[in-house]
Amino acid sequence: MTGDLGFLFVLLIFAGLLIAAAVEDVLHFRLSNRITLAVTFLYPAYVLTSPTPVAWGTAIVLAAVVLLVGFGLFVAGWAGGGDAKLFAAAALWAGVAHFPEYLLATTLFGAALSLAMIARRYWSRRLVLSTGGPSEPPRKFGQFEMPYGVAIAFGGLATAMLLSGV
């Protein structure tokens, strides 16, 4: 029973770190390296307290590949550096077994978040224009900022739920 409590405590810390990352991204449009490092360095505690065997070797390889892909997306200007690092850190926890669910949850929540932000921007611009107020300068689609750390956190929380057996 003590091992199970330790495992759940580790998962709660993981979830808390993901929530902190999401809040930070919403407030500042950036993700702290400290939070990403904490997610990464907490992983051995998960491996040691998990009631089932963890394929940590393949999880490390997966996270490294995800980080390299994320770095490529960052260099291309398609993703933020903090997003790429947090995504890889949470992928470590998902491992090969739960990576498809993690990717799907992150992608779906990211798409919903994108649509909500586009709708908000559209309606706020219409409101400003209808009241005769100053409109904000037009932006190109590539300049659209989105706190994707929120979607990554959602995917990580879905992973934590899978890992906990809930």
Protein backbone atom coordinates (compact mmCIF):
# COMPACT_ATOMS: atom_id res chain seq x y z
CA MET A 1 0.00 0.00 0.00
CA THR A 2 2.84 2.39 0.82
CA GLY A 3 4.32 1.84 -2.63
CA ASP A 4 0.98 2.67 -4.22
CA LEU A 5 0.74 5.90 -2.21
CA GLY A 6 4.27 6.83 -3.25
CA PHE A 7 3.39 6.15 -6.88
CA LEU A 8 0.23 8.26 -6.69
CA PHE A 9 2.18 11.04 -4.96
CA VAL A 10 4.72 11.05 -7.80
CA LEU A 11 1.89 11.20 -10.36
CA LEU A 12 0.32 14.11 -8.46
CA ILE A 13 3.62 16.01 -8.55
CA PHE A 14 3.86 15.30 -12.29
CA ALA A 15 0.31 16.63 -12.76
CA GLY A 16 1.06 19.70 -10.65
CA LEU A 17 4.15 20.49 -12.72
CA LEU A 18 2.12 20.19 -15.93
CA ILE A 19 -0.55 22.51 -14.56
CA ALA A 20 2.14 25.00 -13.50
CA ALA A 21 3.59 24.88 -17.03
CA ALA A 22 0.15 25.51 -18.55
CA VAL A 23 -0.49 28.48 -16.27
CA GLU A 24 2.94 29.93 -17.00
CA ASP A 25 2.38 29.56 -20.75
CA VAL A 26 -1.03 31.25 -20.58
CA LEU A 27 0.32 34.15 -18.52
CA HIS A 28 3.69 34.69 -20.22
CA PHE A 29 3.71 32.71 -23.51
CA ARG A 30 6.81 30.89 -22.35
CA LEU A 31 7.67 27.65 -20.59
CA SER A 32 10.25 27.55 -17.85
CA ASN A 33 13.20 25.21 -18.24
CA ARG A 34 12.92 24.58 -14.49
CA ILE A 35 9.50 23.02 -14.86
CA THR A 36 10.58 20.91 -17.83
CA LEU A 37 13.68 19.75 -15.95
CA ALA A 38 11.58 18.93 -12.89
CA VAL A 39 9.25 16.80 -15.06
CA THR A 40 12.30 15.03 -16.48
CA PHE A 41 14.12 14.53 -13.16
CA LEU A 42 10.94 13.24 -11.48
CA TYR A 43 10.76 10.40 -14.01
CA PRO A 44 13.13 8.06 -12.10
CA ALA A 45 10.84 8.36 -9.05
CA TYR A 46 7.98 7.22 -11.29
CA VAL A 47 10.05 4.27 -12.54
CA LEU A 48 10.99 3.26 -8.97
CA THR A 49 7.49 3.57 -7.50
CA SER A 50 5.44 2.20 -10.39
CA PRO A 51 3.53 -0.93 -9.36
CA THR A 52 4.12 -2.35 -12.85
CA PRO A 53 7.39 -2.65 -14.76
CA VAL A 54 8.30 0.44 -16.78
CA ALA A 55 10.08 0.15 -20.14
CA TRP A 56 12.30 3.10 -19.27
CA GLY A 57 14.97 2.34 -21.88
CA THR A 58 12.62 2.64 -24.82
CA ALA A 59 10.95 5.65 -23.16
CA ILE A 60 14.30 7.46 -23.08
CA VAL A 61 14.92 6.66 -26.75
CA LEU A 62 11.40 7.85 -27.63
CA ALA A 63 11.86 11.10 -25.68
CA ALA A 64 15.20 11.72 -27.42
CA VAL A 65 13.64 11.21 -30.86
CA VAL A 66 10.71 13.46 -29.92
CA LEU A 67 13.15 16.12 -28.70
CA LEU A 68 15.09 15.97 -31.99
CA VAL A 69 11.87 16.31 -34.01
CA GLY A 70 10.79 19.16 -31.75
CA PHE A 71 14.13 20.86 -32.23
CA GLY A 72 13.65 20.60 -36.00
CA LEU A 73 10.19 22.16 -35.69
CA PHE A 74 11.66 24.93 -33.54
CA VAL A 75 14.42 25.66 -36.07
CA ALA A 76 11.78 25.77 -38.82
CA GLY A 77 9.79 28.26 -36.75
CA TRP A 78 6.79 25.96 -36.38
CA ALA A 79 7.07 25.35 -32.62
CA GLY A 80 8.43 27.09 -29.58
CA GLY A 81 11.56 25.77 -27.92
CA GLY A 82 9.82 25.42 -24.57
CA ASP A 83 6.97 23.53 -26.20
CA ALA A 84 9.40 21.11 -27.85
CA LYS A 85 11.20 20.46 -24.56
CA LEU A 86 8.05 20.02 -22.46
CA PHE A 87 6.49 17.76 -25.10
CA ALA A 88 9.57 15.52 -25.03
CA ALA A 89 9.68 15.46 -21.22
CA ALA A 90 6.05 14.38 -21.01
CA ALA A 91 6.62 11.85 -23.81
CA LEU A 92 9.19 10.24 -21.53
CA TRP A 93 6.40 9.54 -19.05
CA ALA A 94 4.05 8.25 -21.74
CA GLY A 95 6.64 5.85 -23.07
CA VAL A 96 6.08 3.81 -26.18
CA ALA A 97 3.00 2.15 -24.65
CA HIS A 98 1.02 5.36 -24.12
CA PHE A 99 2.62 7.71 -26.65
CA PRO A 100 -0.23 7.37 -29.20
CA GLU A 101 -2.79 8.41 -26.57
CA TYR A 102 -0.55 11.24 -25.36
CA LEU A 103 -0.06 12.50 -28.92
CA LEU A 104 -3.78 12.23 -29.70
CA ALA A 105 -4.88 14.03 -26.51
CA THR A 106 -2.32 16.80 -27.04
CA THR A 107 -3.27 17.21 -30.70
CA LEU A 108 -7.02 17.26 -30.09
CA PHE A 109 -6.77 19.72 -27.22
CA GLY A 110 -4.36 21.85 -29.24
CA ALA A 111 -6.81 21.94 -32.14
CA ALA A 112 -9.68 22.91 -29.83
CA LEU A 113 -7.51 25.59 -28.23
CA SER A 114 -6.55 26.94 -31.66
CA LEU A 115 -10.18 27.12 -32.78
CA ALA A 116 -11.18 28.86 -29.53
CA MET A 117 -8.41 31.43 -29.90
CA ILE A 118 -9.25 32.07 -33.56
CA ALA A 119 -12.94 32.51 -32.67
CA ARG A 120 -12.07 34.84 -29.79
CA ARG A 121 -9.84 36.91 -32.03
CA TYR A 122 -12.50 37.06 -34.75
CA TRP A 123 -15.30 38.12 -32.40
CA SER A 124 -13.19 40.62 -30.48
CA ARG A 125 -12.08 42.23 -33.75
CA ARG A 126 -15.71 42.39 -34.96
CA LEU A 127 -16.73 44.01 -31.67
CA VAL A 128 -13.98 46.63 -31.91
CA LEU A 129 -14.83 47.43 -35.51
CA SER A 130 -18.58 47.63 -34.83
CA THR A 131 -18.06 50.10 -31.97
CA GLY A 132 -15.79 52.29 -34.06
CA GLY A 133 -12.79 51.68 -31.83
CA PRO A 134 -9.26 51.27 -33.08
CA SER A 135 -8.55 47.92 -34.62
CA GLU A 136 -5.39 46.02 -33.93
CA PRO A 137 -2.94 45.80 -36.80
CA PRO A 138 -3.45 42.74 -39.00
CA ARG A 139 -1.17 39.79 -38.36
CA LYS A 140 0.00 37.07 -40.60
CA PHE A 141 -1.04 33.53 -39.66
CA GLY A 142 2.58 32.68 -38.82
CA GLN A 143 2.59 35.38 -36.16
CA PHE A 144 -0.32 33.78 -34.30
CA GLU A 145 0.82 33.05 -30.75
CA MET A 146 -0.75 30.18 -28.90
CA PRO A 147 0.10 28.80 -25.47
CA TYR A 148 0.56 25.24 -26.74
CA GLY A 149 1.95 24.30 -23.33
CA VAL A 150 -1.70 24.07 -22.26
CA ALA A 151 -2.34 21.35 -24.85
CA ILE A 152 0.87 19.55 -23.87
CA ALA A 153 -0.18 19.71 -20.22
CA PHE A 154 -3.60 18.27 -21.13
CA GLY A 155 -1.92 15.39 -22.99
CA GLY A 156 0.39 14.82 -20.03
CA LEU A 157 -2.55 14.82 -17.61
CA ALA A 158 -4.31 12.26 -19.81
CA THR A 159 -1.12 10.19 -19.64
CA ALA A 160 -1.01 10.51 -15.84
CA MET A 161 -4.58 9.22 -15.70
CA LEU A 162 -3.64 6.25 -17.88
CA LEU A 163 -0.62 5.51 -15.72
CA SER A 164 -2.69 5.69 -12.53
CA GLY A 165 -5.26 3.27 -13.89
CA VAL A 166 -8.12 5.77 -13.55
